[in-house]
Amino acid sequence: MKNALYILDPGALDRIYGPAERADLANRLNLPGPPLAAADALAQPRRLAEMEVLLTGWGAPRLDARFLELAPRLEAVF
């Protein structure tokens, strides 16, 4: 299973990913821990380094050179 993280504004999770979608994603991806705000994710480089799939929406982190350097295994962004 691919390692994934939800990184978005905390209030956006339920508006973007409903219970059925989150359950389906949890069956297909390894989601270690709760959703993170962008600033919190950047403060946890170890989690970003292991992430292969980014699940995001409003409040997404800027996918700039710094972020991509912290997330070298990133393969997909949704």
PDB file of N, CA and C in Angstrom:
ATOM      1  N   MET A   1       0.827  -1.183   0.000  1.00  0.00           N
ATOM      2  CA  MET A   1       0.000   0.000   0.000  1.00  0.00           C
ATOM      3  C   MET A   1       0.871   1.245   0.000  1.00  0.00           C
ATOM      4  N   LYS A   2       0.459   2.242  -0.727  1.00  0.00           N
ATOM      5  CA  LYS A   2       1.170   3.515  -0.786  1.00  0.00           C
ATOM      6  C   LYS A   2       0.907   4.317   0.490  1.00  0.00           C
ATOM      7  N   ASN A   3       1.935   5.032   0.958  1.00  0.00           N
ATOM      8  CA  ASN A   3       1.785   5.930   2.101  1.00  0.00           C
ATOM      9  C   ASN A   3       1.171   7.234   1.620  1.00  0.00           C
ATOM     10  N   ALA A   4       0.139   7.680   2.323  1.00  0.00           N
ATOM     11  CA  ALA A   4      -0.573   8.891   1.917  1.00  0.00           C
ATOM     12  C   ALA A   4      -0.808   9.794   3.118  1.00  0.00           C
ATOM     13  N   LEU A   5      -0.980  11.073   2.825  1.00  0.00           N
ATOM     14  CA  LEU A   5      -1.334  12.055   3.838  1.00  0.00           C
ATOM     15  C   LEU A   5      -2.430  12.960   3.299  1.00  0.00           C
ATOM     16  N   TYR A   6      -3.371  13.300   4.178  1.00  0.00           N
ATOM     17  CA  TYR A   6      -4.294  14.395   3.904  1.00  0.00           C
ATOM     18  C   TYR A   6      -3.592  15.656   4.407  1.00  0.00           C
ATOM     19  N   ILE A   7      -3.389  16.634   3.529  1.00  0.00           N
ATOM     20  CA  ILE A   7      -2.845  17.928   3.932  1.00  0.00           C
ATOM     21  C   ILE A   7      -3.745  18.993   3.322  1.00  0.00           C
ATOM     22  N   LEU A   8      -4.510  19.670   4.185  1.00  0.00           N
ATOM     23  CA  LEU A   8      -5.470  20.681   3.752  1.00  0.00           C
ATOM     24  C   LEU A   8      -5.982  21.432   4.970  1.00  0.00           C
ATOM     25  N   ASP A   9      -6.782  22.477   4.735  1.00  0.00           N
ATOM     26  CA  ASP A   9      -7.399  23.183   5.851  1.00  0.00           C
ATOM     27  C   ASP A   9      -8.274  22.210   6.631  1.00  0.00           C
ATOM     28  N   PRO A  10      -8.191  22.230   7.960  1.00  0.00           N
ATOM     29  CA  PRO A  10      -8.971  21.280   8.764  1.00  0.00           C
ATOM     30  C   PRO A  10     -10.467  21.310   8.466  1.00  0.00           C
ATOM     31  N   GLY A  11     -11.036  22.472   8.228  1.00  0.00           N
ATOM     32  CA  GLY A  11     -12.469  22.567   7.956  1.00  0.00           C
ATOM     33  C   GLY A  11     -12.870  22.083   6.575  1.00  0.00           C
ATOM     34  N   ALA A  12     -11.922  21.858   5.704  1.00  0.00           N
ATOM     35  CA  ALA A  12     -12.228  21.452   4.332  1.00  0.00           C
ATOM     36  C   ALA A  12     -12.379  19.940   4.175  1.00  0.00           C
ATOM     37  N   LEU A  13     -11.846  19.168   5.101  1.00  0.00           N
ATOM     38  CA  LEU A  13     -11.843  17.711   4.937  1.00  0.00           C
ATOM     39  C   LEU A  13     -13.233  17.158   4.665  1.00  0.00           C
ATOM     40  N   ASP A  14     -14.188  17.464   5.524  1.00  0.00           N
ATOM     41  CA  ASP A  14     -15.533  16.904   5.370  1.00  0.00           C
ATOM     42  C   ASP A  14     -16.252  17.437   4.141  1.00  0.00           C
ATOM     43  N   ARG A  15     -15.886  18.634   3.681  1.00  0.00           N
ATOM     44  CA  ARG A  15     -16.533  19.201   2.494  1.00  0.00           C
ATOM     45  C   ARG A  15     -15.996  18.585   1.214  1.00  0.00           C
ATOM     46  N   ILE A  16     -14.798  18.017   1.266  1.00  0.00           N
ATOM     47  CA  ILE A  16     -14.168  17.464   0.060  1.00  0.00           C
ATOM     48  C   ILE A  16     -14.238  15.939   0.050  1.00  0.00           C
ATOM     49  N   TYR A  17     -13.933  15.332   1.187  1.00  0.00           N
ATOM     50  CA  TYR A  17     -13.878  13.873   1.290  1.00  0.00           C
ATOM     51  C   TYR A  17     -14.941  13.415   2.279  1.00  0.00           C
ATOM     52  N   GLY A  18     -16.032  12.844   1.766  1.00  0.00           N
ATOM     53  CA  GLY A  18     -17.094  12.349   2.632  1.00  0.00           C
ATOM     54  C   GLY A  18     -16.704  11.043   3.299  1.00  0.00           C
ATOM     55  N   PRO A  19     -17.549  10.549   4.198  1.00  0.00           N
ATOM     56  CA  PRO A  19     -17.236   9.306   4.914  1.00  0.00           C
ATOM     57  C   PRO A  19     -16.985   8.116   3.990  1.00  0.00           C
ATOM     58  N   ALA A  20     -17.772   7.980   2.948  1.00  0.00           N
ATOM     59  CA  ALA A  20     -17.591   6.850   2.033  1.00  0.00           C
ATOM     60  C   ALA A  20     -16.266   6.960   1.286  1.00  0.00           C
ATOM     61  N   GLU A  21     -15.918   8.172   0.856  1.00  0.00           N
ATOM     62  CA  GLU A  21     -14.663   8.369   0.133  1.00  0.00           C
ATOM     63  C   GLU A  21     -13.464   8.120   1.053  1.00  0.00           C
ATOM     64  N   ARG A  22     -13.548   8.616   2.286  1.00  0.00           N
ATOM     65  CA  ARG A  22     -12.442   8.402   3.228  1.00  0.00           C
ATOM     66  C   ARG A  22     -12.282   6.919   3.554  1.00  0.00           C
ATOM     67  N   ALA A  23     -13.391   6.199   3.691  1.00  0.00           N
ATOM     68  CA  ALA A  23     -13.311   4.757   3.959  1.00  0.00           C
ATOM     69  C   ALA A  23     -12.670   4.035   2.779  1.00  0.00           C
ATOM     70  N   ASP A  24     -13.066   4.403   1.573  1.00  0.00           N
ATOM     71  CA  ASP A  24     -12.493   3.771   0.383  1.00  0.00           C
ATOM     72  C   ASP A  24     -10.996   4.056   0.293  1.00  0.00           C
ATOM     73  N   LEU A  25     -10.590   5.303   0.537  1.00  0.00           N
ATOM     74  CA  LEU A  25      -9.169   5.649   0.503  1.00  0.00           C
ATOM     75  C   LEU A  25      -8.397   4.910   1.590  1.00  0.00           C
ATOM     76  N   ALA A  26      -8.983   4.757   2.772  1.00  0.00           N
ATOM     77  CA  ALA A  26      -8.320   4.045   3.873  1.00  0.00           C
ATOM     78  C   ALA A  26      -8.112   2.568   3.534  1.00  0.00           C
ATOM     79  N   ASN A  27      -8.971   2.013   2.683  1.00  0.00           N
ATOM     80  CA  ASN A  27      -8.805   0.620   2.257  1.00  0.00           C
ATOM     81  C   ASN A  27      -7.736   0.467   1.184  1.00  0.00           C
ATOM     82  N   ARG A  28      -7.378   1.555   0.528  1.00  0.00           N
ATOM     83  CA  ARG A  28      -6.433   1.496  -0.591  1.00  0.00           C
ATOM     84  C   ARG A  28      -5.068   2.105  -0.286  1.00  0.00           C
ATOM     85  N   LEU A  29      -5.012   2.924   0.772  1.00  0.00           N
ATOM     86  CA  LEU A  29      -3.782   3.650   1.092  1.00  0.00           C
ATOM     87  C   LEU A  29      -3.445   3.501   2.573  1.00  0.00           C
ATOM     88  N   ASN A  30      -2.183   3.594   2.895  1.00  0.00           N
ATOM     89  CA  ASN A  30      -1.748   3.647   4.286  1.00  0.00           C
ATOM     90  C   ASN A  30      -1.797   5.111   4.709  1.00  0.00           C
ATOM     91  N   LEU A  31      -2.715   5.431   5.617  1.00  0.00           N
ATOM     92  CA  LEU A  31      -2.915   6.804   6.087  1.00  0.00           C
ATOM     93  C   LEU A  31      -2.507   6.895   7.551  1.00  0.00           C
ATOM     94  N   PRO A  32      -1.220   7.105   7.825  1.00  0.00           N
ATOM     95  CA  PRO A  32      -0.735   7.125   9.208  1.00  0.00           C
ATOM     96  C   PRO A  32      -1.000   8.465   9.888  1.00  0.00           C
ATOM     97  N   GLY A  33      -2.034   8.530  10.648  1.00  0.00           N
ATOM     98  CA  GLY A  33      -2.318   9.743  11.406  1.00  0.00           C
ATOM     99  C   GLY A  33      -3.435  10.575  10.819  1.00  0.00           C
ATOM    100  N   PRO A  34      -3.830  11.595  11.577  1.00  0.00           N
ATOM    101  CA  PRO A  34      -4.942  12.451  11.162  1.00  0.00           C
ATOM    102  C   PRO A  34      -4.521  13.427  10.063  1.00  0.00           C
ATOM    103  N   PRO A  35      -5.500  14.086   9.422  1.00  0.00           N
ATOM    104  CA  PRO A  35      -5.192  15.124   8.440  1.00  0.00           C
ATOM    105  C   PRO A  35      -4.364  16.236   9.072  1.00  0.00           C
ATOM    106  N   LEU A  36      -3.538  16.868   8.257  1.00  0.00           N
ATOM    107  CA  LEU A  36      -2.654  17.940   8.727  1.00  0.00           C
ATOM    108  C   LEU A  36      -2.932  19.230   7.963  1.00  0.00           C
ATOM    109  N   ALA A  37      -2.810  20.343   8.653  1.00  0.00           N
ATOM    110  CA  ALA A  37      -2.781  21.640   7.979  1.00  0.00           C
ATOM    111  C   ALA A  37      -1.411  21.760   7.310  1.00  0.00           C
ATOM    112  N   ALA A  38      -1.310  22.595   6.296  1.00  0.00           N
ATOM    113  CA  ALA A  38      -0.054  22.717   5.544  1.00  0.00           C
ATOM    114  C   ALA A  38       1.120  23.079   6.446  1.00  0.00           C
ATOM    115  N   ALA A  39       0.944  24.046   7.342  1.00  0.00           N
ATOM    116  CA  ALA A  39       2.042  24.456   8.219  1.00  0.00           C
ATOM    117  C   ALA A  39       2.479  23.318   9.130  1.00  0.00           C
ATOM    118  N   ASP A  40       1.518  22.536   9.625  1.00  0.00           N
ATOM    119  CA  ASP A  40       1.850  21.397  10.489  1.00  0.00           C
ATOM    120  C   ASP A  40       2.605  20.323   9.711  1.00  0.00           C
ATOM    121  N   ALA A  41       2.223  20.106   8.467  1.00  0.00           N
ATOM    122  CA  ALA A  41       2.906  19.109   7.642  1.00  0.00           C
ATOM    123  C   ALA A  41       4.354  19.508   7.388  1.00  0.00           C
ATOM    124  N   LEU A  42       4.573  20.775   7.104  1.00  0.00           N
ATOM    125  CA  LEU A  42       5.940  21.246   6.843  1.00  0.00           C
ATOM    126  C   LEU A  42       6.823  21.133   8.076  1.00  0.00           C
ATOM    127  N   ALA A  43       6.207  21.129   9.237  1.00  0.00           N
ATOM    128  CA  ALA A  43       6.960  20.993  10.488  1.00  0.00           C
ATOM    129  C   ALA A  43       7.269  19.535  10.818  1.00  0.00           C
ATOM    130  N   GLN A  44       6.803  18.608   9.976  1.00  0.00           N
ATOM    131  CA  GLN A  44       7.017  17.179  10.200  1.00  0.00           C
ATOM    132  C   GLN A  44       7.697  16.552   8.980  1.00  0.00           C
ATOM    133  N   PRO A  45       8.943  16.894   8.723  1.00  0.00           N
ATOM    134  CA  PRO A  45       9.611  16.415   7.503  1.00  0.00           C
ATOM    135  C   PRO A  45       9.693  14.901   7.397  1.00  0.00           C
ATOM    136  N   ARG A  46       9.740  14.196   8.510  1.00  0.00           N
ATOM    137  CA  ARG A  46       9.810  12.731   8.437  1.00  0.00           C
ATOM    138  C   ARG A  46       8.543  12.162   7.790  1.00  0.00           C
ATOM    139  N   ARG A  47       7.396  12.703   8.144  1.00  0.00           N
ATOM    140  CA  ARG A  47       6.141  12.226   7.537  1.00  0.00           C
ATOM    141  C   ARG A  47       6.094  12.563   6.055  1.00  0.00           C
ATOM    142  N   LEU A  48       6.549  13.757   5.696  1.00  0.00           N
ATOM    143  CA  LEU A  48       6.569  14.129   4.277  1.00  0.00           C
ATOM    144  C   LEU A  48       7.530  13.249   3.487  1.00  0.00           C
ATOM    145  N   ALA A  49       8.636  12.880   4.094  1.00  0.00           N
ATOM    146  CA  ALA A  49       9.630  12.055   3.403  1.00  0.00           C
ATOM    147  C   ALA A  49       9.097  10.672   3.066  1.00  0.00           C
ATOM    148  N   GLU A  50       8.136  10.188   3.828  1.00  0.00           N
ATOM    149  CA  GLU A  50       7.562   8.850   3.601  1.00  0.00           C
ATOM    150  C   GLU A  50       6.331   8.875   2.712  1.00  0.00           C
ATOM    151  N   MET A  51       5.770  10.061   2.469  1.00  0.00           N
ATOM    152  CA  MET A  51       4.525  10.199   1.720  1.00  0.00           C
ATOM    153  C   MET A  51       4.741   9.923   0.231  1.00  0.00           C
ATOM    154  N   GLU A  52       3.829   9.120  -0.334  1.00  0.00           N
ATOM    155  CA  GLU A  52       3.841   8.843  -1.774  1.00  0.00           C
ATOM    156  C   GLU A  52       2.633   9.454  -2.475  1.00  0.00           C
ATOM    157  N   VAL A  53       1.547   9.633  -1.732  1.00  0.00           N
ATOM    158  CA  VAL A  53       0.304  10.184  -2.280  1.00  0.00           C
ATOM    159  C   VAL A  53      -0.148  11.323  -1.378  1.00  0.00           C
ATOM    160  N   LEU A  54      -0.451  12.461  -1.985  1.00  0.00           N
ATOM    161  CA  LEU A  54      -0.949  13.624  -1.262  1.00  0.00           C
ATOM    162  C   LEU A  54      -2.426  13.797  -1.582  1.00  0.00           C
ATOM    163  N   LEU A  55      -3.255  13.773  -0.547  1.00  0.00           N
ATOM    164  CA  LEU A  55      -4.692  14.015  -0.673  1.00  0.00           C
ATOM    165  C   LEU A  55      -4.934  15.411  -0.122  1.00  0.00           C
ATOM    166  N   THR A  56      -5.454  16.302  -0.946  1.00  0.00           N
ATOM    167  CA  THR A  56      -5.516  17.693  -0.528  1.00  0.00           C
ATOM    168  C   THR A  56      -6.742  18.390  -1.082  1.00  0.00           C
ATOM    169  N   GLY A  57      -6.815  19.656  -0.883  1.00  0.00           N
ATOM    170  CA  GLY A  57      -7.937  20.485  -1.327  1.00  0.00           C
ATOM    171  C   GLY A  57      -7.656  21.908  -0.910  1.00  0.00           C
ATOM    172  N   TRP A  58      -8.688  22.641  -0.471  1.00  0.00           N
ATOM    173  CA  TRP A  58      -8.486  24.016  -0.009  1.00  0.00           C
ATOM    174  C   TRP A  58      -7.458  24.021   1.111  1.00  0.00           C
ATOM    175  N   GLY A  59      -6.529  24.931   1.025  1.00  0.00           N
ATOM    176  CA  GLY A  59      -5.468  25.000   2.021  1.00  0.00           C
ATOM    177  C   GLY A  59      -4.317  24.069   1.721  1.00  0.00           C
ATOM    178  N   ALA A  60      -4.219  23.643   0.478  1.00  0.00           N
ATOM    179  CA  ALA A  60      -3.130  22.748   0.078  1.00  0.00           C
ATOM    180  C   ALA A  60      -1.786  23.435   0.274  1.00  0.00           C
ATOM    181  N   PRO A  61      -0.767  22.666   0.572  1.00  0.00           N
ATOM    182  CA  PRO A  61       0.556  23.264   0.655  1.00  0.00           C
ATOM    183  C   PRO A  61       1.021  23.679  -0.738  1.00  0.00           C
ATOM    184  N   ARG A  62       1.864  24.670  -0.787  1.00  0.00           N
ATOM    185  CA  ARG A  62       2.453  25.072  -2.065  1.00  0.00           C
ATOM    186  C   ARG A  62       3.433  23.985  -2.483  1.00  0.00           C
ATOM    187  N   LEU A  63       3.261  23.448  -3.657  1.00  0.00           N
ATOM    188  CA  LEU A  63       4.131  22.377  -4.145  1.00  0.00           C
ATOM    189  C   LEU A  63       5.360  22.997  -4.812  1.00  0.00           C
ATOM    190  N   ASP A  64       6.106  23.709  -4.009  1.00  0.00           N
ATOM    191  CA  ASP A  64       7.301  24.392  -4.491  1.00  0.00           C
ATOM    192  C   ASP A  64       8.527  23.511  -4.300  1.00  0.00           C
ATOM    193  N   ALA A  65       9.691  24.044  -4.638  1.00  0.00           N
ATOM    194  CA  ALA A  65      10.929  23.257  -4.553  1.00  0.00           C
ATOM    195  C   ALA A  65      11.176  22.754  -3.137  1.00  0.00           C
ATOM    196  N   ARG A  66      10.906  23.583  -2.137  1.00  0.00           N
ATOM    197  CA  ARG A  66      11.117  23.159  -0.741  1.00  0.00           C
ATOM    198  C   ARG A  66      10.227  21.975  -0.390  1.00  0.00           C
ATOM    199  N   PHE A  67       8.941  22.069  -0.734  1.00  0.00           N
ATOM    200  CA  PHE A  67       8.025  20.975  -0.428  1.00  0.00           C
ATOM    201  C   PHE A  67       8.458  19.704  -1.137  1.00  0.00           C
ATOM    202  N   LEU A  68       8.768  19.806  -2.417  1.00  0.00           N
ATOM    203  CA  LEU A  68       9.160  18.621  -3.178  1.00  0.00           C
ATOM    204  C   LEU A  68      10.468  18.020  -2.667  1.00  0.00           C
ATOM    205  N   GLU A  69      11.344  18.847  -2.149  1.00  0.00           N
ATOM    206  CA  GLU A  69      12.569  18.339  -1.535  1.00  0.00           C
ATOM    207  C   GLU A  69      12.253  17.548  -0.269  1.00  0.00           C
ATOM    208  N   LEU A  70      11.254  18.005   0.485  1.00  0.00           N
ATOM    209  CA  LEU A  70      10.854  17.303   1.715  1.00  0.00           C
ATOM    210  C   LEU A  70      10.051  16.036   1.414  1.00  0.00           C
ATOM    211  N   ALA A  71       9.493  15.947   0.213  1.00  0.00           N
ATOM    212  CA  ALA A  71       8.644  14.801  -0.166  1.00  0.00           C
ATOM    213  C   ALA A  71       9.222  14.098  -1.392  1.00  0.00           C
ATOM    214  N   PRO A  72      10.399  13.500  -1.277  1.00  0.00           N
ATOM    215  CA  PRO A  72      11.063  12.931  -2.450  1.00  0.00           C
ATOM    216  C   PRO A  72      10.357  11.713  -3.047  1.00  0.00           C
ATOM    217  N   ARG A  73       9.487  11.067  -2.293  1.00  0.00           N
ATOM    218  CA  ARG A  73       8.803   9.868  -2.792  1.00  0.00           C
ATOM    219  C   ARG A  73       7.414  10.193  -3.384  1.00  0.00           C
ATOM    220  N   LEU A  74       7.024  11.451  -3.391  1.00  0.00           N
ATOM    221  CA  LEU A  74       5.708  11.848  -3.874  1.00  0.00           C
ATOM    222  C   LEU A  74       5.504  11.412  -5.322  1.00  0.00           C
ATOM    223  N   GLU A  75       4.429  10.673  -5.545  1.00  0.00           N
ATOM    224  CA  GLU A  75       4.092  10.175  -6.893  1.00  0.00           C
ATOM    225  C   GLU A  75       2.801  10.751  -7.450  1.00  0.00           C
ATOM    226  N   ALA A  76       1.857  11.104  -6.570  1.00  0.00           N
ATOM    227  CA  ALA A  76       0.544  11.544  -7.029  1.00  0.00           C
ATOM    228  C   ALA A  76      -0.044  12.555  -6.053  1.00  0.00           C
ATOM    229  N   VAL A  77      -0.804  13.519  -6.631  1.00  0.00           N
ATOM    230  CA  VAL A  77      -1.488  14.526  -5.837  1.00  0.00           C
ATOM    231  C   VAL A  77      -2.950  14.532  -6.262  1.00  0.00           C
ATOM    232  N   PHE A  78      -3.840  14.411  -5.295  1.00  0.00           N
ATOM    233  CA  PHE A  78      -5.284  14.450  -5.559  1.00  0.00           C
ATOM    234  C   PHE A  78      -5.922  15.542  -4.718  1.00  0.00           C
TER     235      PHE A  78
END
